[in-house]
């Protein structure tokens, strides 16, 4: 039975990355006790929320130079997909990993 609980726990942690920071926020609102799940949900909010804001600001700055804006957006989305997939896999495996900066903030806010 504990194996099933771990799998469910890992699945919820992985789902916190599914729709980027949106599912992270939803899971933070629902899950109040499990620090592993809350850590991954909070890290999802910080990583993908931060990338969203950075991408938006730089896209505005580069909006006058279409080729640079397109190149930048393409590179950012490749990075986002790699981070997204890697985050979901690691969380599903039950691994507690931290992305630079975001992981430290997530740990701090969930009270590790």
PDB file of N, CA and C in Angstrom:
ATOM      1  N   UNK A   1       0.802  -1.215   0.000  1.00  0.00           N
ATOM      2  CA  UNK A   1       0.000   0.000   0.000  1.00  0.00           C
ATOM      3  C   UNK A   1       0.843   1.277   0.000  1.00  0.00           C
ATOM      4  N   UNK A   2       1.910   1.360   0.793  1.00  0.00           N
ATOM      5  CA  UNK A   2       2.713   2.582   0.771  1.00  0.00           C
ATOM      6  C   UNK A   2       3.276   2.896  -0.606  1.00  0.00           C
ATOM      7  N   UNK A   3       3.580   1.891  -1.421  1.00  0.00           N
ATOM      8  CA  UNK A   3       4.070   2.138  -2.781  1.00  0.00           C
ATOM      9  C   UNK A   3       3.063   2.902  -3.615  1.00  0.00           C
ATOM     10  N   UNK A   4       1.783   2.566  -3.455  1.00  0.00           N
ATOM     11  CA  UNK A   4       0.736   3.279  -4.186  1.00  0.00           C
ATOM     12  C   UNK A   4       0.614   4.719  -3.718  1.00  0.00           C
ATOM     13  N   UNK A   5       0.771   4.930  -2.418  1.00  0.00           N
ATOM     14  CA  UNK A   5       0.714   6.291  -1.895  1.00  0.00           C
ATOM     15  C   UNK A   5       1.861   7.124  -2.443  1.00  0.00           C
ATOM     16  N   UNK A   6       3.044   6.531  -2.516  1.00  0.00           N
ATOM     17  CA  UNK A   6       4.193   7.244  -3.069  1.00  0.00           C
ATOM     18  C   UNK A   6       3.966   7.577  -4.534  1.00  0.00           C
ATOM     19  N   UNK A   7       3.407   6.632  -5.299  1.00  0.00           N
ATOM     20  CA  UNK A   7       3.147   6.876  -6.724  1.00  0.00           C
ATOM     21  C   UNK A   7       2.128   7.997  -6.895  1.00  0.00           C
ATOM     22  N   UNK A   8       1.074   7.990  -6.080  1.00  0.00           N
ATOM     23  CA  UNK A   8       0.068   9.053  -6.156  1.00  0.00           C
ATOM     24  C   UNK A   8       0.676  10.398  -5.775  1.00  0.00           C
ATOM     25  N   UNK A   9       1.481  10.373  -4.759  1.00  0.00           N
ATOM     26  CA  UNK A   9       2.155  11.589  -4.295  1.00  0.00           C
ATOM     27  C   UNK A   9       3.073  12.119  -5.397  1.00  0.00           C
ATOM     28  N   UNK A  10       3.839  11.239  -6.009  1.00  0.00           N
ATOM     29  CA  UNK A  10       4.739  11.627  -7.086  1.00  0.00           C
ATOM     30  C   UNK A  10       3.965  12.138  -8.294  1.00  0.00           C
ATOM     31  N   UNK A  11       2.828  11.508  -8.578  1.00  0.00           N
ATOM     32  CA  UNK A  11       2.008  11.941  -9.709  1.00  0.00           C
ATOM     33  C   UNK A  11       1.477  13.356  -9.483  1.00  0.00           C
ATOM     34  N   UNK A  12       1.004  13.638  -8.293  1.00  0.00           N
ATOM     35  CA  UNK A  12       0.504  14.985  -7.989  1.00  0.00           C
ATOM     36  C   UNK A  12       1.642  16.000  -8.095  1.00  0.00           C
ATOM     37  N   UNK A  13       2.829  15.640  -7.607  1.00  0.00           N
ATOM     38  CA  UNK A  13       3.980  16.541  -7.716  1.00  0.00           C
ATOM     39  C   UNK A  13       4.310  16.800  -9.183  1.00  0.00           C
ATOM     40  N   UNK A  14       4.259  15.763 -10.025  1.00  0.00           N
ATOM     41  CA  UNK A  14       4.538  15.917 -11.457  1.00  0.00           C
ATOM     42  C   UNK A  14       3.461  16.768 -12.130  1.00  0.00           C
ATOM     43  N   UNK A  15       2.218  16.586 -11.748  1.00  0.00           N
ATOM     44  CA  UNK A  15       1.112  17.354 -12.332  1.00  0.00           C
ATOM     45  C   UNK A  15       1.247  18.838 -12.013  1.00  0.00           C
ATOM     46  N   UNK A  16       1.932  19.170 -10.928  1.00  0.00           N
ATOM     47  CA  UNK A  16       2.101  20.589 -10.587  1.00  0.00           C
ATOM     48  C   UNK A  16       2.863  21.350 -11.676  1.00  0.00           C
ATOM     49  N   UNK A  17       3.565  20.631 -12.549  1.00  0.00           N
ATOM     50  CA  UNK A  17       4.283  21.257 -13.661  1.00  0.00           C
ATOM     51  C   UNK A  17       3.496  21.210 -14.973  1.00  0.00           C
ATOM     52  N   UNK A  18       2.426  20.431 -15.022  1.00  0.00           N
ATOM     53  CA  UNK A  18       1.735  20.127 -16.276  1.00  0.00           C
ATOM     54  C   UNK A  18       1.319  21.367 -17.060  1.00  0.00           C
ATOM     55  N   UNK A  19       0.650  22.285 -16.434  1.00  0.00           N
ATOM     56  CA  UNK A  19       0.219  23.522 -17.098  1.00  0.00           C
ATOM     57  C   UNK A  19       1.032  24.705 -16.571  1.00  0.00           C
ATOM     58  N   UNK A  20       2.310  24.436 -16.396  1.00  0.00           N
ATOM     59  CA  UNK A  20       3.265  25.446 -15.952  1.00  0.00           C
ATOM     60  C   UNK A  20       2.853  26.022 -14.600  1.00  0.00           C
ATOM     61  N   UNK A  21       2.884  27.324 -14.409  1.00  0.00           N
ATOM     62  CA  UNK A  21       2.621  27.889 -13.088  1.00  0.00           C
ATOM     63  C   UNK A  21       1.145  27.806 -12.697  1.00  0.00           C
ATOM     64  N   UNK A  22       0.257  27.573 -13.646  1.00  0.00           N
ATOM     65  CA  UNK A  22      -1.182  27.505 -13.336  1.00  0.00           C
ATOM     66  C   UNK A  22      -1.488  26.302 -12.448  1.00  0.00           C
ATOM     67  N   UNK A  23      -1.012  25.112 -12.840  1.00  0.00           N
ATOM     68  CA  UNK A  23      -1.264  23.934 -12.004  1.00  0.00           C
ATOM     69  C   UNK A  23      -0.493  24.036 -10.688  1.00  0.00           C
ATOM     70  N   UNK A  24       0.644  24.691 -10.701  1.00  0.00           N
ATOM     71  CA  UNK A  24       1.375  24.903  -9.454  1.00  0.00           C
ATOM     72  C   UNK A  24       0.539  25.685  -8.456  1.00  0.00           C
ATOM     73  N   UNK A  25      -0.102  26.745  -8.932  1.00  0.00           N
ATOM     74  CA  UNK A  25      -0.953  27.565  -8.056  1.00  0.00           C
ATOM     75  C   UNK A  25      -2.141  26.756  -7.554  1.00  0.00           C
ATOM     76  N   UNK A  26      -2.795  26.025  -8.443  1.00  0.00           N
ATOM     77  CA  UNK A  26      -3.964  25.227  -8.047  1.00  0.00           C
ATOM     78  C   UNK A  26      -3.583  24.205  -6.982  1.00  0.00           C
ATOM     79  N   UNK A  27      -2.474  23.510  -7.188  1.00  0.00           N
ATOM     80  CA  UNK A  27      -2.055  22.491  -6.222  1.00  0.00           C
ATOM     81  C   UNK A  27      -1.660  23.130  -4.891  1.00  0.00           C
ATOM     82  N   UNK A  28      -1.043  24.298  -4.929  1.00  0.00           N
ATOM     83  CA  UNK A  28      -0.728  24.996  -3.676  1.00  0.00           C
ATOM     84  C   UNK A  28      -1.990  25.358  -2.907  1.00  0.00           C
ATOM     85  N   UNK A  29      -3.041  25.706  -3.623  1.00  0.00           N
ATOM     86  CA  UNK A  29      -4.302  26.054  -2.960  1.00  0.00           C
ATOM     87  C   UNK A  29      -5.000  24.839  -2.361  1.00  0.00           C
ATOM     88  N   UNK A  30      -4.786  23.671  -2.966  1.00  0.00           N
ATOM     89  CA  UNK A  30      -5.468  22.451  -2.525  1.00  0.00           C
ATOM     90  C   UNK A  30      -4.660  21.682  -1.482  1.00  0.00           C
ATOM     91  N   UNK A  31      -3.386  21.502  -1.746  1.00  0.00           N
ATOM     92  CA  UNK A  31      -2.526  20.708  -0.856  1.00  0.00           C
ATOM     93  C   UNK A  31      -1.943  21.599   0.240  1.00  0.00           C
ATOM     94  N   UNK A  32      -2.225  21.254   1.477  1.00  0.00           N
ATOM     95  CA  UNK A  32      -1.775  22.085   2.592  1.00  0.00           C
ATOM     96  C   UNK A  32      -0.707  21.416   3.454  1.00  0.00           C
ATOM     97  N   UNK A  33      -0.497  20.088   3.332  1.00  0.00           N
ATOM     98  CA  UNK A  33       0.375  19.408   4.284  1.00  0.00           C
ATOM     99  C   UNK A  33       1.611  18.758   3.688  1.00  0.00           C
ATOM    100  N   UNK A  34       1.505  18.124   2.547  1.00  0.00           N
ATOM    101  CA  UNK A  34       2.623  17.360   1.993  1.00  0.00           C
ATOM    102  C   UNK A  34       3.695  18.300   1.446  1.00  0.00           C
ATOM    103  N   UNK A  35       4.822  18.359   2.129  1.00  0.00           N
ATOM    104  CA  UNK A  35       5.884  19.303   1.750  1.00  0.00           C
ATOM    105  C   UNK A  35       6.527  18.955   0.415  1.00  0.00           C
ATOM    106  N   UNK A  36       6.581  17.676   0.059  1.00  0.00           N
ATOM    107  CA  UNK A  36       7.147  17.268  -1.225  1.00  0.00           C
ATOM    108  C   UNK A  36       6.293  17.824  -2.369  1.00  0.00           C
ATOM    109  N   UNK A  37       4.986  17.646  -2.272  1.00  0.00           N
ATOM    110  CA  UNK A  37       4.068  18.150  -3.303  1.00  0.00           C
ATOM    111  C   UNK A  37       4.097  19.673  -3.319  1.00  0.00           C
ATOM    112  N   UNK A  38       4.034  20.283  -2.152  1.00  0.00           N
ATOM    113  CA  UNK A  38       4.033  21.750  -2.087  1.00  0.00           C
ATOM    114  C   UNK A  38       5.334  22.338  -2.632  1.00  0.00           C
ATOM    115  N   UNK A  39       6.469  21.672  -2.370  1.00  0.00           N
ATOM    116  CA  UNK A  39       7.740  22.140  -2.907  1.00  0.00           C
ATOM    117  C   UNK A  39       7.695  22.163  -4.434  1.00  0.00           C
ATOM    118  N   UNK A  40       7.254  21.074  -5.045  1.00  0.00           N
ATOM    119  CA  UNK A  40       7.222  21.026  -6.507  1.00  0.00           C
ATOM    120  C   UNK A  40       6.219  22.030  -7.074  1.00  0.00           C
ATOM    121  N   UNK A  41       5.085  22.198  -6.410  1.00  0.00           N
ATOM    122  CA  UNK A  41       4.099  23.178  -6.870  1.00  0.00           C
ATOM    123  C   UNK A  41       4.670  24.596  -6.778  1.00  0.00           C
ATOM    124  N   UNK A  42       5.327  24.906  -5.681  1.00  0.00           N
ATOM    125  CA  UNK A  42       5.908  26.239  -5.509  1.00  0.00           C
ATOM    126  C   UNK A  42       7.053  26.461  -6.500  1.00  0.00           C
ATOM    127  N   UNK A  43       7.878  25.434  -6.699  1.00  0.00           N
ATOM    128  CA  UNK A  43       8.970  25.565  -7.659  1.00  0.00           C
ATOM    129  C   UNK A  43       8.409  25.792  -9.067  1.00  0.00           C
ATOM    130  N   UNK A  44       7.311  25.136  -9.399  1.00  0.00           N
ATOM    131  CA  UNK A  44       6.661  25.332 -10.693  1.00  0.00           C
ATOM    132  C   UNK A  44       6.220  26.785 -10.856  1.00  0.00           C
ATOM    133  N   UNK A  45       5.645  27.342  -9.808  1.00  0.00           N
ATOM    134  CA  UNK A  45       5.198  28.739  -9.853  1.00  0.00           C
ATOM    135  C   UNK A  45       6.391  29.669 -10.075  1.00  0.00           C
ATOM    136  N   UNK A  46       7.467  29.449  -9.325  1.00  0.00           N
ATOM    137  CA  UNK A  46       8.636  30.324  -9.455  1.00  0.00           C
ATOM    138  C   UNK A  46       9.342  30.154 -10.794  1.00  0.00           C
ATOM    139  N   UNK A  47       9.556  28.920 -11.222  1.00  0.00           N
ATOM    140  CA  UNK A  47      10.287  28.685 -12.478  1.00  0.00           C
ATOM    141  C   UNK A  47       9.493  29.217 -13.671  1.00  0.00           C
ATOM    142  N   UNK A  48       8.258  28.744 -13.815  1.00  0.00           N
ATOM    143  CA  UNK A  48       7.502  29.091 -15.013  1.00  0.00           C
ATOM    144  C   UNK A  48       6.904  30.490 -14.945  1.00  0.00           C
ATOM    145  N   UNK A  49       6.571  30.947 -13.753  1.00  0.00           N
ATOM    146  CA  UNK A  49       6.135  32.336 -13.612  1.00  0.00           C
ATOM    147  C   UNK A  49       7.263  33.288 -13.954  1.00  0.00           C
ATOM    148  N   UNK A  50       8.462  32.978 -13.462  1.00  0.00           N
ATOM    149  CA  UNK A  50       9.629  33.805 -13.763  1.00  0.00           C
ATOM    150  C   UNK A  50       9.970  33.800 -15.243  1.00  0.00           C
ATOM    151  N   UNK A  51       9.955  32.615 -15.856  1.00  0.00           N
ATOM    152  CA  UNK A  51      10.247  32.529 -17.293  1.00  0.00           C
ATOM    153  C   UNK A  51       9.203  33.274 -18.118  1.00  0.00           C
ATOM    154  N   UNK A  52       7.953  33.205 -17.689  1.00  0.00           N
ATOM    155  CA  UNK A  52       6.880  33.915 -18.389  1.00  0.00           C
ATOM    156  C   UNK A  52       7.124  35.427 -18.347  1.00  0.00           C
ATOM    157  N   UNK A  53       7.449  35.931 -17.172  1.00  0.00           N
ATOM    158  CA  UNK A  53       7.689  37.373 -17.012  1.00  0.00           C
ATOM    159  C   UNK A  53       8.919  37.812 -17.798  1.00  0.00           C
ATOM    160  N   UNK A  54      10.009  37.053 -17.684  1.00  0.00           N
ATOM    161  CA  UNK A  54      11.237  37.391 -18.421  1.00  0.00           C
ATOM    162  C   UNK A  54      10.989  37.372 -19.921  1.00  0.00           C
ATOM    163  N   UNK A  55      10.314  36.336 -20.402  1.00  0.00           N
ATOM    164  CA  UNK A  55      10.019  36.236 -21.832  1.00  0.00           C
ATOM    165  C   UNK A  55       9.158  37.407 -22.304  1.00  0.00           C
ATOM    166  N   UNK A  56       8.180  37.786 -21.504  1.00  0.00           N
ATOM    167  CA  UNK A  56       7.288  38.897 -21.861  1.00  0.00           C
ATOM    168  C   UNK A  56       8.066  40.209 -21.955  1.00  0.00           C
ATOM    169  N   UNK A  57       8.881  40.488 -20.955  1.00  0.00           N
ATOM    170  CA  UNK A  57       9.642  41.751 -20.929  1.00  0.00           C
ATOM    171  C   UNK A  57      10.635  41.816 -22.089  1.00  0.00           C
ATOM    172  N   UNK A  58      11.391  40.758 -22.296  1.00  0.00           N
ATOM    173  CA  UNK A  58      12.381  40.779 -23.373  1.00  0.00           C
ATOM    174  C   UNK A  58      11.705  40.809 -24.737  1.00  0.00           C
ATOM    175  N   UNK A  59      10.562  40.147 -24.869  1.00  0.00           N
ATOM    176  CA  UNK A  59       9.823  40.217 -26.133  1.00  0.00           C
ATOM    177  C   UNK A  59       9.365  41.641 -26.417  1.00  0.00           C
ATOM    178  N   UNK A  60       8.956  42.355 -25.387  1.00  0.00           N
ATOM    179  CA  UNK A  60       8.579  43.758 -25.572  1.00  0.00           C
ATOM    180  C   UNK A  60       9.779  44.594 -26.017  1.00  0.00           C
ATOM    181  N   UNK A  61      10.914  44.341 -25.393  1.00  0.00           N
ATOM    182  CA  UNK A  61      12.118  45.091 -25.738  1.00  0.00           C
ATOM    183  C   UNK A  61      12.592  44.788 -27.156  1.00  0.00           C
ATOM    184  N   UNK A  62      12.387  43.559 -27.603  1.00  0.00           N
ATOM    185  CA  UNK A  62      12.848  43.160 -28.933  1.00  0.00           C
ATOM    186  C   UNK A  62      11.757  43.258 -30.000  1.00  0.00           C
ATOM    187  N   UNK A  63      10.602  43.776 -29.640  1.00  0.00           N
ATOM    188  CA  UNK A  63       9.464  43.777 -30.575  1.00  0.00           C
ATOM    189  C   UNK A  63       9.732  44.569 -31.853  1.00  0.00           C
ATOM    190  N   UNK A  64      10.652  45.501 -31.804  1.00  0.00           N
ATOM    191  CA  UNK A  64      10.958  46.296 -32.998  1.00  0.00           C
ATOM    192  C   UNK A  64      11.882  45.554 -33.970  1.00  0.00           C
ATOM    193  N   UNK A  65      12.529  44.502 -33.479  1.00  0.00           N
ATOM    194  CA  UNK A  65      13.448  43.726 -34.306  1.00  0.00           C
ATOM    195  C   UNK A  65      12.880  42.308 -34.410  1.00  0.00           C
ATOM    196  N   UNK A  66      12.042  42.089 -35.418  1.00  0.00           N
ATOM    197  CA  UNK A  66      11.297  40.830 -35.532  1.00  0.00           C
ATOM    198  C   UNK A  66      12.177  39.587 -35.505  1.00  0.00           C
ATOM    199  N   UNK A  67      13.277  39.601 -36.216  1.00  0.00           N
ATOM    200  CA  UNK A  67      14.121  38.406 -36.292  1.00  0.00           C
ATOM    201  C   UNK A  67      14.715  38.060 -34.931  1.00  0.00           C
ATOM    202  N   UNK A  68      15.127  39.078 -34.153  1.00  0.00           N
ATOM    203  CA  UNK A  68      15.664  38.830 -32.810  1.00  0.00           C
ATOM    204  C   UNK A  68      14.573  38.331 -31.864  1.00  0.00           C
ATOM    205  N   UNK A  69      13.397  38.924 -31.973  1.00  0.00           N
ATOM    206  CA  UNK A  69      12.284  38.502 -31.122  1.00  0.00           C
ATOM    207  C   UNK A  69      11.909  37.054 -31.410  1.00  0.00           C
ATOM    208  N   UNK A  70      11.864  36.689 -32.675  1.00  0.00           N
ATOM    209  CA  UNK A  70      11.524  35.317 -33.060  1.00  0.00           C
ATOM    210  C   UNK A  70      12.594  34.343 -32.582  1.00  0.00           C
ATOM    211  N   UNK A  71      13.850  34.693 -32.770  1.00  0.00           N
ATOM    212  CA  UNK A  71      14.952  33.840 -32.325  1.00  0.00           C
ATOM    213  C   UNK A  71      14.925  33.674 -30.809  1.00  0.00           C
ATOM    214  N   UNK A  72      14.747  34.773 -30.096  1.00  0.00           N
ATOM    215  CA  UNK A  72      14.711  34.715 -28.638  1.00  0.00           C
ATOM    216  C   UNK A  72      13.545  33.847 -28.153  1.00  0.00           C
ATOM    217  N   UNK A  73      12.353  34.076 -28.704  1.00  0.00           N
ATOM    218  CA  UNK A  73      11.189  33.287 -28.293  1.00  0.00           C
ATOM    219  C   UNK A  73      11.382  31.810 -28.569  1.00  0.00           C
ATOM    220  N   UNK A  74      11.984  31.484 -29.695  1.00  0.00           N
ATOM    221  CA  UNK A  74      12.238  30.078 -30.028  1.00  0.00           C
ATOM    222  C   UNK A  74      13.192  29.455 -29.012  1.00  0.00           C
ATOM    223  N   UNK A  75      14.269  30.147 -28.690  1.00  0.00           N
ATOM    224  CA  UNK A  75      15.229  29.631 -27.712  1.00  0.00           C
ATOM    225  C   UNK A  75      14.600  29.486 -26.325  1.00  0.00           C
ATOM    226  N   UNK A  76      13.808  30.468 -25.927  1.00  0.00           N
ATOM    227  CA  UNK A  76      13.147  30.399 -24.623  1.00  0.00           C
ATOM    228  C   UNK A  76      12.195  29.213 -24.577  1.00  0.00           C
ATOM    229  N   UNK A  77      11.418  28.997 -25.627  1.00  0.00           N
ATOM    230  CA  UNK A  77      10.472  27.886 -25.626  1.00  0.00           C
ATOM    231  C   UNK A  77      11.161  26.533 -25.649  1.00  0.00           C
ATOM    232  N   UNK A  78      12.297  26.437 -26.312  1.00  0.00           N
ATOM    233  CA  UNK A  78      13.062  25.188 -26.250  1.00  0.00           C
ATOM    234  C   UNK A  78      13.502  24.933 -24.811  1.00  0.00           C
ATOM    235  N   UNK A  79      14.002  25.970 -24.146  1.00  0.00           N
ATOM    236  CA  UNK A  79      14.395  25.850 -22.746  1.00  0.00           C
ATOM    237  C   UNK A  79      13.223  25.494 -21.848  1.00  0.00           C
ATOM    238  N   UNK A  80      12.092  26.122 -22.076  1.00  0.00           N
ATOM    239  CA  UNK A  80      10.897  25.849 -21.265  1.00  0.00           C
ATOM    240  C   UNK A  80      10.465  24.399 -21.412  1.00  0.00           C
ATOM    241  N   UNK A  81      10.468  23.889 -22.621  1.00  0.00           N
ATOM    242  CA  UNK A  81      10.052  22.497 -22.855  1.00  0.00           C
ATOM    243  C   UNK A  81      11.009  21.534 -22.149  1.00  0.00           C
ATOM    244  N   UNK A  82      12.309  21.809 -22.219  1.00  0.00           N
ATOM    245  CA  UNK A  82      13.296  20.954 -21.545  1.00  0.00           C
ATOM    246  C   UNK A  82      13.088  20.985 -20.032  1.00  0.00           C
ATOM    247  N   UNK A  83      12.917  22.175 -19.468  1.00  0.00           N
ATOM    248  CA  UNK A  83      12.689  22.311 -18.025  1.00  0.00           C
ATOM    249  C   UNK A  83      11.376  21.646 -17.625  1.00  0.00           C
ATOM    250  N   UNK A  84      10.334  21.842 -18.408  1.00  0.00           N
ATOM    251  CA  UNK A  84       9.006  21.280 -18.133  1.00  0.00           C
ATOM    252  C   UNK A  84       9.057  19.756 -18.096  1.00  0.00           C
ATOM    253  N   UNK A  85       9.624  19.169 -19.138  1.00  0.00           N
ATOM    254  CA  UNK A  85       9.681  17.708 -19.232  1.00  0.00           C
ATOM    255  C   UNK A  85      10.564  17.135 -18.122  1.00  0.00           C
ATOM    256  N   UNK A  86      11.717  17.719 -17.913  1.00  0.00           N
ATOM    257  CA  UNK A  86      12.644  17.264 -16.895  1.00  0.00           C
ATOM    258  C   UNK A  86      12.026  17.370 -15.499  1.00  0.00           C
ATOM    259  N   UNK A  87      11.325  18.447 -15.236  1.00  0.00           N
ATOM    260  CA  UNK A  87      10.680  18.648 -13.930  1.00  0.00           C
ATOM    261  C   UNK A  87       9.622  17.593 -13.664  1.00  0.00           C
ATOM    262  N   UNK A  88       8.797  17.329 -14.666  1.00  0.00           N
ATOM    263  CA  UNK A  88       7.731  16.330 -14.476  1.00  0.00           C
ATOM    264  C   UNK A  88       8.314  14.936 -14.248  1.00  0.00           C
ATOM    265  N   UNK A  89       9.329  14.574 -15.018  1.00  0.00           N
ATOM    266  CA  UNK A  89       9.947  13.255 -14.866  1.00  0.00           C
ATOM    267  C   UNK A  89      10.577  13.108 -13.481  1.00  0.00           C
ATOM    268  N   UNK A  90      11.350  14.093 -13.073  1.00  0.00           N
ATOM    269  CA  UNK A  90      12.023  14.014 -11.772  1.00  0.00           C
ATOM    270  C   UNK A  90      11.024  13.973 -10.617  1.00  0.00           C
ATOM    271  N   UNK A  91       9.979  14.776 -10.696  1.00  0.00           N
ATOM    272  CA  UNK A  91       8.965  14.766  -9.633  1.00  0.00           C
ATOM    273  C   UNK A  91       8.259  13.418  -9.587  1.00  0.00           C
ATOM    274  N   UNK A  92       7.947  12.857 -10.743  1.00  0.00           N
ATOM    275  CA  UNK A  92       7.272  11.548 -10.783  1.00  0.00           C
ATOM    276  C   UNK A  92       8.174  10.451 -10.232  1.00  0.00           C
ATOM    277  N   UNK A  93       9.470  10.591 -10.401  1.00  0.00           N
ATOM    278  CA  UNK A  93      10.419   9.617  -9.852  1.00  0.00           C
ATOM    279  C   UNK A  93      10.599   9.789  -8.344  1.00  0.00           C
ATOM    280  N   UNK A  94      10.001  10.827  -7.781  1.00  0.00           N
ATOM    281  CA  UNK A  94      10.093  11.063  -6.346  1.00  0.00           C
ATOM    282  C   UNK A  94      11.346  11.802  -5.941  1.00  0.00           C
ATOM    283  N   UNK A  95      11.988  12.416  -6.901  1.00  0.00           N
ATOM    284  CA  UNK A  95      13.236  13.127  -6.623  1.00  0.00           C
ATOM    285  C   UNK A  95      12.965  14.555  -6.164  1.00  0.00           C
ATOM    286  N   UNK A  96      13.699  14.950  -5.153  1.00  0.00           N
ATOM    287  CA  UNK A  96      13.622  16.321  -4.645  1.00  0.00           C
ATOM    288  C   UNK A  96      14.806  17.068  -5.237  1.00  0.00           C
ATOM    289  N   UNK A  97      14.608  17.767  -6.317  1.00  0.00           N
ATOM    290  CA  UNK A  97      15.679  18.507  -6.975  1.00  0.00           C
ATOM    291  C   UNK A  97      15.308  19.974  -6.968  1.00  0.00           C
ATOM    292  N   UNK A  98      16.320  20.805  -7.085  1.00  0.00           N
ATOM    293  CA  UNK A  98      16.051  22.245  -7.069  1.00  0.00           C
ATOM    294  C   UNK A  98      16.650  22.881  -8.316  1.00  0.00           C
ATOM    295  N   UNK A  99      15.830  23.656  -9.010  1.00  0.00           N
ATOM    296  CA  UNK A  99      16.342  24.488 -10.087  1.00  0.00           C
ATOM    297  C   UNK A  99      17.046  25.677  -9.437  1.00  0.00           C
ATOM    298  N   UNK A 100      18.075  26.214 -10.083  1.00  0.00           N
ATOM    299  CA  UNK A 100      18.765  27.369  -9.504  1.00  0.00           C
ATOM    300  C   UNK A 100      17.786  28.505  -9.177  1.00  0.00           C
ATOM    301  N   UNK A 101      17.981  29.135  -8.073  1.00  0.00           N
ATOM    302  CA  UNK A 101      17.167  30.241  -7.536  1.00  0.00           C
ATOM    303  C   UNK A 101      15.756  29.799  -7.187  1.00  0.00           C
ATOM    304  N   UNK A 102      15.005  29.285  -8.134  1.00  0.00           N
ATOM    305  CA  UNK A 102      13.604  28.918  -7.900  1.00  0.00           C
ATOM    306  C   UNK A 102      13.480  27.848  -6.822  1.00  0.00           C
ATOM    307  N   UNK A 103      14.363  26.872  -6.832  1.00  0.00           N
ATOM    308  CA  UNK A 103      14.317  25.814  -5.829  1.00  0.00           C
ATOM    309  C   UNK A 103      14.563  26.337  -4.428  1.00  0.00           C
ATOM    310  N   UNK A 104      15.510  27.281  -4.308  1.00  0.00           N
ATOM    311  CA  UNK A 104      15.780  27.875  -2.989  1.00  0.00           C
ATOM    312  C   UNK A 104      14.586  28.684  -2.502  1.00  0.00           C
ATOM    313  N   UNK A 105      13.982  29.454  -3.389  1.00  0.00           N
ATOM    314  CA  UNK A 105      12.797  30.235  -3.011  1.00  0.00           C
ATOM    315  C   UNK A 105      11.654  29.302  -2.630  1.00  0.00           C
ATOM    316  N   UNK A 106      11.441  28.253  -3.393  1.00  0.00           N
ATOM    317  CA  UNK A 106      10.370  27.296  -3.109  1.00  0.00           C
ATOM    318  C   UNK A 106      10.578  26.660  -1.737  1.00  0.00           C
ATOM    319  N   UNK A 107      11.795  26.255  -1.478  1.00  0.00           N
ATOM    320  CA  UNK A 107      12.124  25.637  -0.191  1.00  0.00           C
ATOM    321  C   UNK A 107      11.844  26.607   0.953  1.00  0.00           C
ATOM    322  N   UNK A 108      12.233  27.852   0.765  1.00  0.00           N
ATOM    323  CA  UNK A 108      12.033  28.882   1.789  1.00  0.00           C
ATOM    324  C   UNK A 108      10.538  29.097   2.055  1.00  0.00           C
ATOM    325  N   UNK A 109       9.732  29.176   1.000  1.00  0.00           N
ATOM    326  CA  UNK A 109       8.320  29.501   1.176  1.00  0.00           C
ATOM    327  C   UNK A 109       7.478  28.364   1.696  1.00  0.00           C
ATOM    328  N   UNK A 110       7.922  27.124   1.524  1.00  0.00           N
ATOM    329  CA  UNK A 110       7.138  26.024   2.092  1.00  0.00           C
ATOM    330  C   UNK A 110       7.631  25.646   3.477  1.00  0.00           C
ATOM    331  N   UNK A 111       8.722  26.270   3.910  1.00  0.00           N
ATOM    332  CA  UNK A 111       9.199  26.066   5.278  1.00  0.00           C
ATOM    333  C   UNK A 111      10.009  24.804   5.478  1.00  0.00           C
ATOM    334  N   UNK A 112      10.872  24.476   4.540  1.00  0.00           N
ATOM    335  CA  UNK A 112      11.728  23.278   4.677  1.00  0.00           C
ATOM    336  C   UNK A 112      12.785  23.517   5.707  1.00  0.00           C
TER     337      UNK A 112
END
